[in-house]
Amino acid sequence: MSEWKRAVVIGASGGIGKGLADALEEEGVAVTRLARSLSGDGHIDLEDEASIAAAAERIAKGPAPDLVIVATGLLHDGEQGPEKAMGQLDPAWLARNFAVNAIGPALVAKHVLPLMPRTGKTLFAALSARIGSISDNRMGGWYGYRASKAALNQFIRTLSVEHKRRNDRAIIVALHPGTVDTALSQPFQGNVRPGGLFTPDRAAVQLLDVIDGLKAPDSGKLFDWEGKEVQP
């Protein structure tokens, strides 16, 4: 049985999000699934704060969640993909990257963190990426994705500082799942080393193992799927 009692998974219709929700339910956790593609009480749109606020109001009607995972992300959409050079920089695409990858999760935290218990161990996690590490950037390119994930990592750090005053056992982290066989990574899987592409179910179990091993001093950091801290 899991140490978590009630979880909210945002992006639960995607590969990793569905895998996380399924794995948590198998461990006896009560899971609320939210996604943009779901209708009714399951709907949430990270590009629409009113939608996030409405979802939070629905969550508030039930028992407080002790685990919240934002399993969403944008890397490409139609023919629009990550920039290979600065000449491809487009303000609208950059803004959308930030809206989905950084601002959306931050707004989820704004509305959902106040609903989590004020005592005991709680955890709020958002899927980030190693590529958001500034110190690790040696390849260049992928401007919008890199910058928006770096912004998400900063949001996570800042949220952790503030939320610690509300609950000193709360953990707020960013997680790097590795390369997972989903629609997000599909156009770029040709460059993945052998054994480096995970199924969504395996990625979910790996991430939950990391989550279960985290402690309060880990709050504000980015961890990869092996539980290793990724430097900013």
Foldseek 3Di string as FASTA:
>chain_A
DDPWAEEEQEQCVFLQNVLQQVVCVVVVHHYQAAYCPDDDLRYADLLDLVRLLVNLVVQLVDQFGQEYEYEDAAAADVPRGWFADPVPDDVVVLVVRLSTLASSLLSNCVRRVVRHDLEDEGEYEYEAALLLAPVPDDRDTRVSNNVNSVNNLVSQLVSLVVSCVSYVWYAGEYEHLFAEPTPRCVVPCVPADPPRYHYSNVSSVLVVVLVSPDTSVNHSFYAYSNNHTRHD
